[in-house]
Amino acid sequence: MSNPIPAPPIFAGRLAQARKRAGLSQTQLGVLAGLEPEVASPRINQYERGVHEPRSETARRLAEALGIPPAFLYTEDETLAKLLLTWVDLKPAQRRDLLKQAQAAVPKSKK
């Protein structure tokens, strides 16, 4: 029986997903995040393949370049990931309304 191929780390998949959503190449993303152009593509490629995971500051810059919350890159919860991507497209008033709706949905015993 062969060993199953391990799934790439969640960060790797989320980074690739967000980059493709933004319509950026690996080089473009790396440069926008402050990497030198010569290393931008190989570094992003390594992150997306799960070979390396960036330091938290680099991950924050990647998220900023992608216009997403850094938490998106780390969440294993698919529903939360979708919510985080939706969140960035909402205006401040819509965010407040959504938060109120979510808080109203929580049972009083949990508040």
PDB file of N, CA and C in Angstrom:
ATOM      1  N   MET A   1       0.849  -1.168   0.000  1.00  0.00           N
ATOM      2  CA  MET A   1       0.000   0.000   0.000  1.00  0.00           C
ATOM      3  C   MET A   1       0.904   1.243   0.000  1.00  0.00           C
ATOM      4  N   SER A   2       0.641   2.176  -0.888  1.00  0.00           N
ATOM      5  CA  SER A   2       1.470   3.382  -0.963  1.00  0.00           C
ATOM      6  C   SER A   2       0.994   4.416   0.050  1.00  0.00           C
ATOM      7  N   ASN A   3       1.931   5.254   0.432  1.00  0.00           N
ATOM      8  CA  ASN A   3       1.599   6.323   1.376  1.00  0.00           C
ATOM      9  C   ASN A   3       0.863   7.431   0.646  1.00  0.00           C
ATOM     10  N   PRO A   4      -0.203   7.945   1.238  1.00  0.00           N
ATOM     11  CA  PRO A   4      -0.905   9.047   0.586  1.00  0.00           C
ATOM     12  C   PRO A   4      -0.030  10.303   0.582  1.00  0.00           C
ATOM     13  N   ILE A   5      -0.204  11.098  -0.450  1.00  0.00           N
ATOM     14  CA  ILE A   5       0.539  12.358  -0.542  1.00  0.00           C
ATOM     15  C   ILE A   5      -0.095  13.327   0.450  1.00  0.00           C
ATOM     16  N   PRO A   6       0.717  13.899   1.344  1.00  0.00           N
ATOM     17  CA  PRO A   6       0.139  14.816   2.327  1.00  0.00           C
ATOM     18  C   PRO A   6      -0.404  16.077   1.661  1.00  0.00           C
ATOM     19  N   ALA A   7      -1.480  16.565   2.216  1.00  0.00           N
ATOM     20  CA  ALA A   7      -2.066  17.802   1.702  1.00  0.00           C
ATOM     21  C   ALA A   7      -1.127  18.960   2.015  1.00  0.00           C
ATOM     22  N   PRO A   8      -1.053  19.935   1.099  1.00  0.00           N
ATOM     23  CA  PRO A   8      -0.191  21.084   1.392  1.00  0.00           C
ATOM     24  C   PRO A   8      -0.738  21.844   2.601  1.00  0.00           C
ATOM     25  N   PRO A   9       0.124  22.560   3.298  1.00  0.00           N
ATOM     26  CA  PRO A   9      -0.343  23.341   4.445  1.00  0.00           C
ATOM     27  C   PRO A   9      -1.445  24.304   4.020  1.00  0.00           C
ATOM     28  N   ILE A  10      -2.314  24.614   4.954  1.00  0.00           N
ATOM     29  CA  ILE A  10      -3.447  25.485   4.650  1.00  0.00           C
ATOM     30  C   ILE A  10      -2.977  26.820   4.084  1.00  0.00           C
ATOM     31  N   PHE A  11      -1.885  27.362   4.622  1.00  0.00           N
ATOM     32  CA  PHE A  11      -1.373  28.646   4.136  1.00  0.00           C
ATOM     33  C   PHE A  11      -1.088  28.581   2.640  1.00  0.00           C
ATOM     34  N   ALA A  12      -0.476  27.501   2.188  1.00  0.00           N
ATOM     35  CA  ALA A  12      -0.096  27.354   0.784  1.00  0.00           C
ATOM     36  C   ALA A  12      -1.315  27.444  -0.130  1.00  0.00           C
ATOM     37  N   GLY A  13      -2.341  26.700   0.206  1.00  0.00           N
ATOM     38  CA  GLY A  13      -3.556  26.702  -0.610  1.00  0.00           C
ATOM     39  C   GLY A  13      -4.288  28.028  -0.580  1.00  0.00           C
ATOM     40  N   ARG A  14      -4.368  28.620   0.595  1.00  0.00           N
ATOM     41  CA  ARG A  14      -5.060  29.907   0.716  1.00  0.00           C
ATOM     42  C   ARG A  14      -4.319  31.013  -0.045  1.00  0.00           C
ATOM     43  N   LEU A  15      -2.989  30.988   0.001  1.00  0.00           N
ATOM     44  CA  LEU A  15      -2.214  32.002  -0.711  1.00  0.00           C
ATOM     45  C   LEU A  15      -2.457  31.890  -2.211  1.00  0.00           C
ATOM     46  N   ALA A  16      -2.389  30.688  -2.744  1.00  0.00           N
ATOM     47  CA  ALA A  16      -2.626  30.486  -4.179  1.00  0.00           C
ATOM     48  C   ALA A  16      -4.044  30.918  -4.545  1.00  0.00           C
ATOM     49  N   GLN A  17      -5.004  30.568  -3.708  1.00  0.00           N
ATOM     50  CA  GLN A  17      -6.409  30.936  -3.957  1.00  0.00           C
ATOM     51  C   GLN A  17      -6.559  32.452  -4.009  1.00  0.00           C
ATOM     52  N   ALA A  18      -5.996  33.146  -3.049  1.00  0.00           N
ATOM     53  CA  ALA A  18      -6.121  34.604  -2.985  1.00  0.00           C
ATOM     54  C   ALA A  18      -5.374  35.272  -4.133  1.00  0.00           C
ATOM     55  N   ARG A  19      -4.219  34.737  -4.483  1.00  0.00           N
ATOM     56  CA  ARG A  19      -3.448  35.319  -5.588  1.00  0.00           C
ATOM     57  C   ARG A  19      -4.215  35.199  -6.899  1.00  0.00           C
ATOM     58  N   LYS A  20      -4.785  34.030  -7.143  1.00  0.00           N
ATOM     59  CA  LYS A  20      -5.554  33.821  -8.379  1.00  0.00           C
ATOM     60  C   LYS A  20      -6.805  34.698  -8.386  1.00  0.00           C
ATOM     61  N   ARG A  21      -7.443  34.826  -7.230  1.00  0.00           N
ATOM     62  CA  ARG A  21      -8.621  35.692  -7.102  1.00  0.00           C
ATOM     63  C   ARG A  21      -8.267  37.127  -7.451  1.00  0.00           C
ATOM     64  N   ALA A  22      -7.064  37.558  -7.069  1.00  0.00           N
ATOM     65  CA  ALA A  22      -6.612  38.919  -7.340  1.00  0.00           C
ATOM     66  C   ALA A  22      -6.101  39.093  -8.768  1.00  0.00           C
ATOM     67  N   GLY A  23      -5.934  37.989  -9.494  1.00  0.00           N
ATOM     68  CA  GLY A  23      -5.475  38.053 -10.867  1.00  0.00           C
ATOM     69  C   GLY A  23      -4.006  38.444 -10.997  1.00  0.00           C
ATOM     70  N   LEU A  24      -3.211  38.037 -10.015  1.00  0.00           N
ATOM     71  CA  LEU A  24      -1.789  38.385 -10.000  1.00  0.00           C
ATOM     72  C   LEU A  24      -0.923  37.176 -10.305  1.00  0.00           C
ATOM     73  N   SER A  25       0.197  37.425 -10.951  1.00  0.00           N
ATOM     74  CA  SER A  25       1.192  36.367 -11.118  1.00  0.00           C
ATOM     75  C   SER A  25       1.972  36.250  -9.813  1.00  0.00           C
ATOM     76  N   GLN A  26       2.738  35.195  -9.684  1.00  0.00           N
ATOM     77  CA  GLN A  26       3.565  35.036  -8.492  1.00  0.00           C
ATOM     78  C   GLN A  26       4.573  36.172  -8.384  1.00  0.00           C
ATOM     79  N   THR A  27       5.139  36.573  -9.502  1.00  0.00           N
ATOM     80  CA  THR A  27       6.103  37.681  -9.499  1.00  0.00           C
ATOM     81  C   THR A  27       5.432  38.976  -9.065  1.00  0.00           C
ATOM     82  N   GLN A  28       4.270  39.275  -9.640  1.00  0.00           N
ATOM     83  CA  GLN A  28       3.566  40.507  -9.284  1.00  0.00           C
ATOM     84  C   GLN A  28       3.252  40.554  -7.799  1.00  0.00           C
ATOM     85  N   LEU A  29       2.752  39.451  -7.253  1.00  0.00           N
ATOM     86  CA  LEU A  29       2.429  39.424  -5.833  1.00  0.00           C
ATOM     87  C   LEU A  29       3.670  39.647  -4.995  1.00  0.00           C
ATOM     88  N   GLY A  30       4.740  38.945  -5.320  1.00  0.00           N
ATOM     89  CA  GLY A  30       5.967  39.097  -4.553  1.00  0.00           C
ATOM     90  C   GLY A  30       6.482  40.527  -4.551  1.00  0.00           C
ATOM     91  N   VAL A  31       6.476  41.164  -5.708  1.00  0.00           N
ATOM     92  CA  VAL A  31       6.946  42.546  -5.808  1.00  0.00           C
ATOM     93  C   VAL A  31       6.033  43.480  -5.015  1.00  0.00           C
ATOM     94  N   LEU A  32       4.723  43.300  -5.138  1.00  0.00           N
ATOM     95  CA  LEU A  32       3.776  44.125  -4.373  1.00  0.00           C
ATOM     96  C   LEU A  32       3.968  43.967  -2.868  1.00  0.00           C
ATOM     97  N   ALA A  33       4.414  42.780  -2.458  1.00  0.00           N
ATOM     98  CA  ALA A  33       4.638  42.510  -1.035  1.00  0.00           C
ATOM     99  C   ALA A  33       6.028  42.934  -0.574  1.00  0.00           C
ATOM    100  N   GLY A  34       6.819  43.500  -1.484  1.00  0.00           N
ATOM    101  CA  GLY A  34       8.108  44.033  -1.094  1.00  0.00           C
ATOM    102  C   GLY A  34       9.301  43.134  -1.337  1.00  0.00           C
ATOM    103  N   LEU A  35       9.101  42.041  -2.055  1.00  0.00           N
ATOM    104  CA  LEU A  35      10.221  41.159  -2.376  1.00  0.00           C
ATOM    105  C   LEU A  35      10.970  41.708  -3.583  1.00  0.00           C
ATOM    106  N   GLU A  36      12.261  41.408  -3.655  1.00  0.00           N
ATOM    107  CA  GLU A  36      13.065  41.803  -4.811  1.00  0.00           C
ATOM    108  C   GLU A  36      12.542  41.057  -6.037  1.00  0.00           C
ATOM    109  N   PRO A  37      12.450  41.723  -7.187  1.00  0.00           N
ATOM    110  CA  PRO A  37      11.907  41.080  -8.391  1.00  0.00           C
ATOM    111  C   PRO A  37      12.583  39.756  -8.749  1.00  0.00           C
ATOM    112  N   GLU A  38      13.901  39.635  -8.495  1.00  0.00           N
ATOM    113  CA  GLU A  38      14.617  38.411  -8.855  1.00  0.00           C
ATOM    114  C   GLU A  38      14.189  37.198  -8.034  1.00  0.00           C
ATOM    115  N   VAL A  39      13.712  37.440  -6.837  1.00  0.00           N
ATOM    116  CA  VAL A  39      13.339  36.313  -5.968  1.00  0.00           C
ATOM    117  C   VAL A  39      11.834  36.194  -5.767  1.00  0.00           C
ATOM    118  N   ALA A  40      11.071  37.156  -6.300  1.00  0.00           N
ATOM    119  CA  ALA A  40       9.629  37.190  -6.040  1.00  0.00           C
ATOM    120  C   ALA A  40       8.918  35.917  -6.487  1.00  0.00           C
ATOM    121  N   SER A  41       9.083  35.530  -7.737  1.00  0.00           N
ATOM    122  CA  SER A  41       8.379  34.347  -8.244  1.00  0.00           C
ATOM    123  C   SER A  41       8.810  33.061  -7.538  1.00  0.00           C
ATOM    124  N   PRO A  42      10.129  32.796  -7.404  1.00  0.00           N
ATOM    125  CA  PRO A  42      10.510  31.549  -6.719  1.00  0.00           C
ATOM    126  C   PRO A  42      10.030  31.494  -5.268  1.00  0.00           C
ATOM    127  N   ARG A  43      10.062  32.631  -4.582  1.00  0.00           N
ATOM    128  CA  ARG A  43       9.650  32.644  -3.176  1.00  0.00           C
ATOM    129  C   ARG A  43       8.154  32.374  -3.057  1.00  0.00           C
ATOM    130  N   ILE A  44       7.337  33.060  -3.858  1.00  0.00           N
ATOM    131  CA  ILE A  44       5.889  32.830  -3.805  1.00  0.00           C
ATOM    132  C   ILE A  44       5.583  31.391  -4.206  1.00  0.00           C
ATOM    133  N   ASN A  45       6.290  30.879  -5.190  1.00  0.00           N
ATOM    134  CA  ASN A  45       6.105  29.491  -5.605  1.00  0.00           C
ATOM    135  C   ASN A  45       6.378  28.533  -4.453  1.00  0.00           C
ATOM    136  N   GLN A  46       7.439  28.778  -3.699  1.00  0.00           N
ATOM    137  CA  GLN A  46       7.755  27.923  -2.551  1.00  0.00           C
ATOM    138  C   GLN A  46       6.671  28.022  -1.479  1.00  0.00           C
ATOM    139  N   TYR A  47       6.156  29.224  -1.260  1.00  0.00           N
ATOM    140  CA  TYR A  47       5.074  29.387  -0.283  1.00  0.00           C
ATOM    141  C   TYR A  47       3.832  28.615  -0.731  1.00  0.00           C
ATOM    142  N   GLU A  48       3.500  28.717  -2.026  1.00  0.00           N
ATOM    143  CA  GLU A  48       2.292  28.069  -2.535  1.00  0.00           C
ATOM    144  C   GLU A  48       2.409  26.549  -2.600  1.00  0.00           C
ATOM    145  N   ARG A  49       3.618  26.046  -2.690  1.00  0.00           N
ATOM    146  CA  ARG A  49       3.820  24.591  -2.690  1.00  0.00           C
ATOM    147  C   ARG A  49       3.991  24.044  -1.272  1.00  0.00           C
ATOM    148  N   GLY A  50       4.059  24.936  -0.294  1.00  0.00           N
ATOM    149  CA  GLY A  50       4.209  24.501   1.088  1.00  0.00           C
ATOM    150  C   GLY A  50       5.638  24.119   1.445  1.00  0.00           C
ATOM    151  N   VAL A  51       6.605  24.497   0.599  1.00  0.00           N
ATOM    152  CA  VAL A  51       8.006  24.209   0.885  1.00  0.00           C
ATOM    153  C   VAL A  51       8.476  25.058   2.063  1.00  0.00           C
ATOM    154  N   HIS A  52       8.060  26.308   2.056  1.00  0.00           N
ATOM    155  CA  HIS A  52       8.376  27.236   3.141  1.00  0.00           C
ATOM    156  C   HIS A  52       7.113  28.008   3.498  1.00  0.00           C
ATOM    157  N   GLU A  53       7.051  28.489   4.719  1.00  0.00           N
ATOM    158  CA  GLU A  53       5.977  29.383   5.132  1.00  0.00           C
ATOM    159  C   GLU A  53       6.644  30.680   5.576  1.00  0.00           C
ATOM    160  N   PRO A  54       6.095  31.812   5.136  1.00  0.00           N
ATOM    161  CA  PRO A  54       6.759  33.080   5.449  1.00  0.00           C
ATOM    162  C   PRO A  54       6.634  33.460   6.917  1.00  0.00           C
ATOM    163  N   ARG A  55       7.514  34.338   7.320  1.00  0.00           N
ATOM    164  CA  ARG A  55       7.409  34.928   8.657  1.00  0.00           C
ATOM    165  C   ARG A  55       6.123  35.733   8.709  1.00  0.00           C
ATOM    166  N   SER A  56       5.662  36.013   9.911  1.00  0.00           N
ATOM    167  CA  SER A  56       4.376  36.700  10.074  1.00  0.00           C
ATOM    168  C   SER A  56       4.353  38.068   9.392  1.00  0.00           C
ATOM    169  N   GLU A  57       5.448  38.798   9.433  1.00  0.00           N
ATOM    170  CA  GLU A  57       5.492  40.113   8.788  1.00  0.00           C
ATOM    171  C   GLU A  57       5.347  39.985   7.271  1.00  0.00           C
ATOM    172  N   THR A  58       5.990  38.999   6.693  1.00  0.00           N
ATOM    173  CA  THR A  58       5.868  38.772   5.252  1.00  0.00           C
ATOM    174  C   THR A  58       4.449  38.331   4.911  1.00  0.00           C
ATOM    175  N   ALA A  59       3.863  37.472   5.723  1.00  0.00           N
ATOM    176  CA  ALA A  59       2.486  37.031   5.502  1.00  0.00           C
ATOM    177  C   ALA A  59       1.537  38.230   5.567  1.00  0.00           C
ATOM    178  N   ARG A  60       1.783  39.151   6.497  1.00  0.00           N
ATOM    179  CA  ARG A  60       0.947  40.351   6.597  1.00  0.00           C
ATOM    180  C   ARG A  60       1.067  41.193   5.331  1.00  0.00           C
ATOM    181  N   ARG A  61       2.292  41.339   4.815  1.00  0.00           N
ATOM    182  CA  ARG A  61       2.496  42.121   3.588  1.00  0.00           C
ATOM    183  C   ARG A  61       1.851  41.436   2.381  1.00  0.00           C
ATOM    184  N   LEU A  62       1.909  40.119   2.334  1.00  0.00           N
ATOM    185  CA  LEU A  62       1.248  39.387   1.252  1.00  0.00           C
ATOM    186  C   LEU A  62      -0.262  39.621   1.304  1.00  0.00           C
ATOM    187  N   ALA A  63      -0.833  39.510   2.496  1.00  0.00           N
ATOM    188  CA  ALA A  63      -2.269  39.733   2.654  1.00  0.00           C
ATOM    189  C   ALA A  63      -2.640  41.159   2.254  1.00  0.00           C
ATOM    190  N   GLU A  64      -1.837  42.098   2.668  1.00  0.00           N
ATOM    191  CA  GLU A  64      -2.091  43.504   2.318  1.00  0.00           C
ATOM    192  C   GLU A  64      -2.048  43.688   0.796  1.00  0.00           C
ATOM    193  N   ALA A  65      -1.072  43.105   0.144  1.00  0.00           N
ATOM    194  CA  ALA A  65      -0.954  43.201  -1.311  1.00  0.00           C
ATOM    195  C   ALA A  65      -2.148  42.553  -2.006  1.00  0.00           C
ATOM    196  N   LEU A  66      -2.707  41.525  -1.385  1.00  0.00           N
ATOM    197  CA  LEU A  66      -3.856  40.823  -1.948  1.00  0.00           C
ATOM    198  C   LEU A  66      -5.183  41.461  -1.554  1.00  0.00           C
ATOM    199  N   GLY A  67      -5.149  42.391  -0.608  1.00  0.00           N
ATOM    200  CA  GLY A  67      -6.382  43.036  -0.154  1.00  0.00           C
ATOM    201  C   GLY A  67      -7.266  42.123   0.662  1.00  0.00           C
ATOM    202  N   ILE A  68      -6.643  41.255   1.446  1.00  0.00           N
ATOM    203  CA  ILE A  68      -7.401  40.302   2.267  1.00  0.00           C
ATOM    204  C   ILE A  68      -6.919  40.382   3.712  1.00  0.00           C
ATOM    205  N   PRO A  69      -7.752  39.948   4.663  1.00  0.00           N
ATOM    206  CA  PRO A  69      -7.282  39.863   6.049  1.00  0.00           C
ATOM    207  C   PRO A  69      -6.251  38.744   6.176  1.00  0.00           C
ATOM    208  N   PRO A  70      -5.186  38.962   6.934  1.00  0.00           N
ATOM    209  CA  PRO A  70      -4.196  37.891   7.129  1.00  0.00           C
ATOM    210  C   PRO A  70      -4.814  36.592   7.650  1.00  0.00           C
ATOM    211  N   ALA A  71      -5.870  36.694   8.423  1.00  0.00           N
ATOM    212  CA  ALA A  71      -6.516  35.494   8.975  1.00  0.00           C
ATOM    213  C   ALA A  71      -6.978  34.538   7.882  1.00  0.00           C
ATOM    214  N   PHE A  72      -7.310  35.077   6.704  1.00  0.00           N
ATOM    215  CA  PHE A  72      -7.741  34.222   5.595  1.00  0.00           C
ATOM    216  C   PHE A  72      -6.666  33.186   5.255  1.00  0.00           C
ATOM    217  N   LEU A  73      -5.416  33.596   5.327  1.00  0.00           N
ATOM    218  CA  LEU A  73      -4.317  32.719   4.936  1.00  0.00           C
ATOM    219  C   LEU A  73      -4.115  31.545   5.891  1.00  0.00           C
ATOM    220  N   TYR A  74      -4.719  31.610   7.056  1.00  0.00           N
ATOM    221  CA  TYR A  74      -4.481  30.586   8.071  1.00  0.00           C
ATOM    222  C   TYR A  74      -5.707  29.771   8.468  1.00  0.00           C
ATOM    223  N   THR A  75      -6.904  30.238   8.119  1.00  0.00           N
ATOM    224  CA  THR A  75      -8.084  29.529   8.604  1.00  0.00           C
ATOM    225  C   THR A  75      -8.311  28.212   7.871  1.00  0.00           C
ATOM    226  N   GLU A  76      -8.614  27.198   8.634  1.00  0.00           N
ATOM    227  CA  GLU A  76      -8.951  25.894   8.073  1.00  0.00           C
ATOM    228  C   GLU A  76     -10.449  25.791   7.810  1.00  0.00           C
ATOM    229  N   ASP A  77     -11.217  26.710   8.358  1.00  0.00           N
ATOM    230  CA  ASP A  77     -12.673  26.709   8.234  1.00  0.00           C
ATOM    231  C   ASP A  77     -13.072  27.365   6.912  1.00  0.00           C
ATOM    232  N   GLU A  78     -13.625  26.578   6.007  1.00  0.00           N
ATOM    233  CA  GLU A  78     -13.982  27.084   4.677  1.00  0.00           C
ATOM    234  C   GLU A  78     -15.049  28.176   4.737  1.00  0.00           C
ATOM    235  N   THR A  79     -15.999  28.042   5.642  1.00  0.00           N
ATOM    236  CA  THR A  79     -17.036  29.056   5.769  1.00  0.00           C
ATOM    237  C   THR A  79     -16.444  30.371   6.250  1.00  0.00           C
ATOM    238  N   LEU A  80     -15.566  30.308   7.224  1.00  0.00           N
ATOM    239  CA  LEU A  80     -14.907  31.515   7.709  1.00  0.00           C
ATOM    240  C   LEU A  80     -14.059  32.142   6.604  1.00  0.00           C
ATOM    241  N   ALA A  81     -13.385  31.322   5.819  1.00  0.00           N
ATOM    242  CA  ALA A  81     -12.578  31.842   4.705  1.00  0.00           C
ATOM    243  C   ALA A  81     -13.457  32.630   3.735  1.00  0.00           C
ATOM    244  N   LYS A  82     -14.621  32.088   3.401  1.00  0.00           N
ATOM    245  CA  LYS A  82     -15.542  32.786   2.499  1.00  0.00           C
ATOM    246  C   LYS A  82     -16.034  34.083   3.128  1.00  0.00           C
ATOM    247  N   LEU A  83     -16.317  34.045   4.413  1.00  0.00           N
ATOM    248  CA  LEU A  83     -16.765  35.248   5.113  1.00  0.00           C
ATOM    249  C   LEU A  83     -15.676  36.318   5.100  1.00  0.00           C
ATOM    250  N   LEU A  84     -14.434  35.924   5.316  1.00  0.00           N
ATOM    251  CA  LEU A  84     -13.329  36.884   5.308  1.00  0.00           C
ATOM    252  C   LEU A  84     -13.146  37.524   3.933  1.00  0.00           C
ATOM    253  N   LEU A  85     -13.329  36.749   2.868  1.00  0.00           N
ATOM    254  CA  LEU A  85     -13.235  37.316   1.527  1.00  0.00           C
ATOM    255  C   LEU A  85     -14.406  38.238   1.232  1.00  0.00           C
ATOM    256  N   THR A  86     -15.570  37.901   1.746  1.00  0.00           N
ATOM    257  CA  THR A  86     -16.741  38.754   1.570  1.00  0.00           C
ATOM    258  C   THR A  86     -16.575  40.048   2.355  1.00  0.00           C
ATOM    259  N   TRP A  87     -16.033  39.933   3.562  1.00  0.00           N
ATOM    260  CA  TRP A  87     -15.838  41.075   4.473  1.00  0.00           C
ATOM    261  C   TRP A  87     -15.099  42.220   3.787  1.00  0.00           C
ATOM    262  N   VAL A  88     -14.045  41.890   3.040  1.00  0.00           N
ATOM    263  CA  VAL A  88     -13.222  42.939   2.427  1.00  0.00           C
ATOM    264  C   VAL A  88     -13.968  43.707   1.350  1.00  0.00           C
ATOM    265  N   ASP A  89     -15.030  43.127   0.815  1.00  0.00           N
ATOM    266  CA  ASP A  89     -15.796  43.796  -0.231  1.00  0.00           C
ATOM    267  C   ASP A  89     -16.946  44.638   0.310  1.00  0.00           C
ATOM    268  N   LEU A  90     -17.140  44.598   1.632  1.00  0.00           N
ATOM    269  CA  LEU A  90     -18.242  45.341   2.240  1.00  0.00           C
ATOM    270  C   LEU A  90     -17.812  46.753   2.635  1.00  0.00           C
ATOM    271  N   LYS A  91     -18.763  47.663   2.552  1.00  0.00           N
ATOM    272  CA  LYS A  91     -18.532  49.026   3.043  1.00  0.00           C
ATOM    273  C   LYS A  91     -18.631  48.997   4.572  1.00  0.00           C
ATOM    274  N   PRO A  92     -18.067  50.010   5.266  1.00  0.00           N
ATOM    275  CA  PRO A  92     -18.098  50.012   6.741  1.00  0.00           C
ATOM    276  C   PRO A  92     -19.502  49.842   7.328  1.00  0.00           C
ATOM    277  N   ALA A  93     -20.487  50.483   6.766  1.00  0.00           N
ATOM    278  CA  ALA A  93     -21.856  50.348   7.291  1.00  0.00           C
ATOM    279  C   ALA A  93     -22.356  48.917   7.120  1.00  0.00           C
ATOM    280  N   GLN A  94     -22.009  48.295   6.011  1.00  0.00           N
ATOM    281  CA  GLN A  94     -22.414  46.907   5.780  1.00  0.00           C
ATOM    282  C   GLN A  94     -21.712  45.973   6.763  1.00  0.00           C
ATOM    283  N   ARG A  95     -20.468  46.277   7.072  1.00  0.00           N
ATOM    284  CA  ARG A  95     -19.736  45.466   8.051  1.00  0.00           C
ATOM    285  C   ARG A  95     -20.401  45.561   9.423  1.00  0.00           C
ATOM    286  N   ARG A  96     -20.773  46.774   9.825  1.00  0.00           N
ATOM    287  CA  ARG A  96     -21.454  46.946  11.116  1.00  0.00           C
ATOM    288  C   ARG A  96     -22.768  46.179  11.137  1.00  0.00           C
ATOM    289  N   ASP A  97     -23.533  46.255  10.038  1.00  0.00           N
ATOM    290  CA  ASP A  97     -24.813  45.545   9.960  1.00  0.00           C
ATOM    291  C   ASP A  97     -24.605  44.033  10.056  1.00  0.00           C
ATOM    292  N   LEU A  98     -23.614  43.539   9.354  1.00  0.00           N
ATOM    293  CA  LEU A  98     -23.330  42.102   9.389  1.00  0.00           C
ATOM    294  C   LEU A  98     -22.920  41.657  10.790  1.00  0.00           C
ATOM    295  N   LEU A  99     -22.106  42.463  11.451  1.00  0.00           N
ATOM    296  CA  LEU A  99     -21.695  42.143  12.815  1.00  0.00           C
ATOM    297  C   LEU A  99     -22.901  42.116  13.751  1.00  0.00           C
ATOM    298  N   LYS A 100     -23.791  43.089  13.622  1.00  0.00           N
ATOM    299  CA  LYS A 100     -25.007  43.117  14.452  1.00  0.00           C
ATOM    300  C   LYS A 100     -25.852  41.873  14.212  1.00  0.00           C
ATOM    301  N   GLN A 101     -25.996  41.483  12.943  1.00  0.00           N
ATOM    302  CA  GLN A 101     -26.777  40.286  12.618  1.00  0.00           C
ATOM    303  C   GLN A 101     -26.143  39.041  13.243  1.00  0.00           C
ATOM    304  N   ALA A 102     -24.835  38.952  13.145  1.00  0.00           N
ATOM    305  CA  ALA A 102     -24.140  37.792  13.716  1.00  0.00           C
ATOM    306  C   ALA A 102     -24.293  37.764  15.229  1.00  0.00           C
ATOM    307  N   GLN A 103     -24.138  38.921  15.855  1.00  0.00           N
ATOM    308  CA  GLN A 103     -24.275  38.979  17.314  1.00  0.00           C
ATOM    309  C   GLN A 103     -25.703  38.662  17.743  1.00  0.00           C
ATOM    310  N   ALA A 104     -26.684  39.091  16.965  1.00  0.00           N
ATOM    311  CA  ALA A 104     -28.080  38.823  17.297  1.00  0.00           C
ATOM    312  C   ALA A 104     -28.390  37.336  17.163  1.00  0.00           C
ATOM    313  N   ALA A 105     -27.653  36.631  16.332  1.00  0.00           N
ATOM    314  CA  ALA A 105     -27.896  35.203  16.116  1.00  0.00           C
ATOM    315  C   ALA A 105     -27.321  34.329  17.243  1.00  0.00           C
ATOM    316  N   VAL A 106     -26.441  34.896  18.073  1.00  0.00           N
ATOM    317  CA  VAL A 106     -25.826  34.147  19.159  1.00  0.00           C
ATOM    318  C   VAL A 106     -26.829  34.050  20.314  1.00  0.00           C
ATOM    319  N   PRO A 107     -27.052  32.846  20.845  1.00  0.00           N
ATOM    320  CA  PRO A 107     -27.967  32.717  21.986  1.00  0.00           C
ATOM    321  C   PRO A 107     -27.513  33.599  23.160  1.00  0.00           C
ATOM    322  N   LYS A 108     -28.469  34.140  23.879  1.00  0.00           N
ATOM    323  CA  LYS A 108     -28.157  35.046  24.995  1.00  0.00           C
ATOM    324  C   LYS A 108     -27.256  34.388  26.028  1.00  0.00           C
ATOM    325  N   SER A 109     -27.347  33.086  26.186  1.00  0.00           N
ATOM    326  CA  SER A 109     -26.514  32.399  27.181  1.00  0.00           C
ATOM    327  C   SER A 109     -25.029  32.413  26.808  1.00  0.00           C
ATOM    328  N   LYS A 110     -24.729  32.672  25.542  1.00  0.00           N
ATOM    329  CA  LYS A 110     -23.350  32.697  25.054  1.00  0.00           C
ATOM    330  C   LYS A 110     -22.759  34.119  25.061  1.00  0.00           C
ATOM    331  N   LYS A 111     -23.583  35.110  25.273  1.00  0.00           N
ATOM    332  CA  LYS A 111     -23.121  36.503  25.202  1.00  0.00           C
ATOM    333  C   LYS A 111     -22.486  36.946  26.491  1.00  0.00           C
TER     334      LYS A 111
END
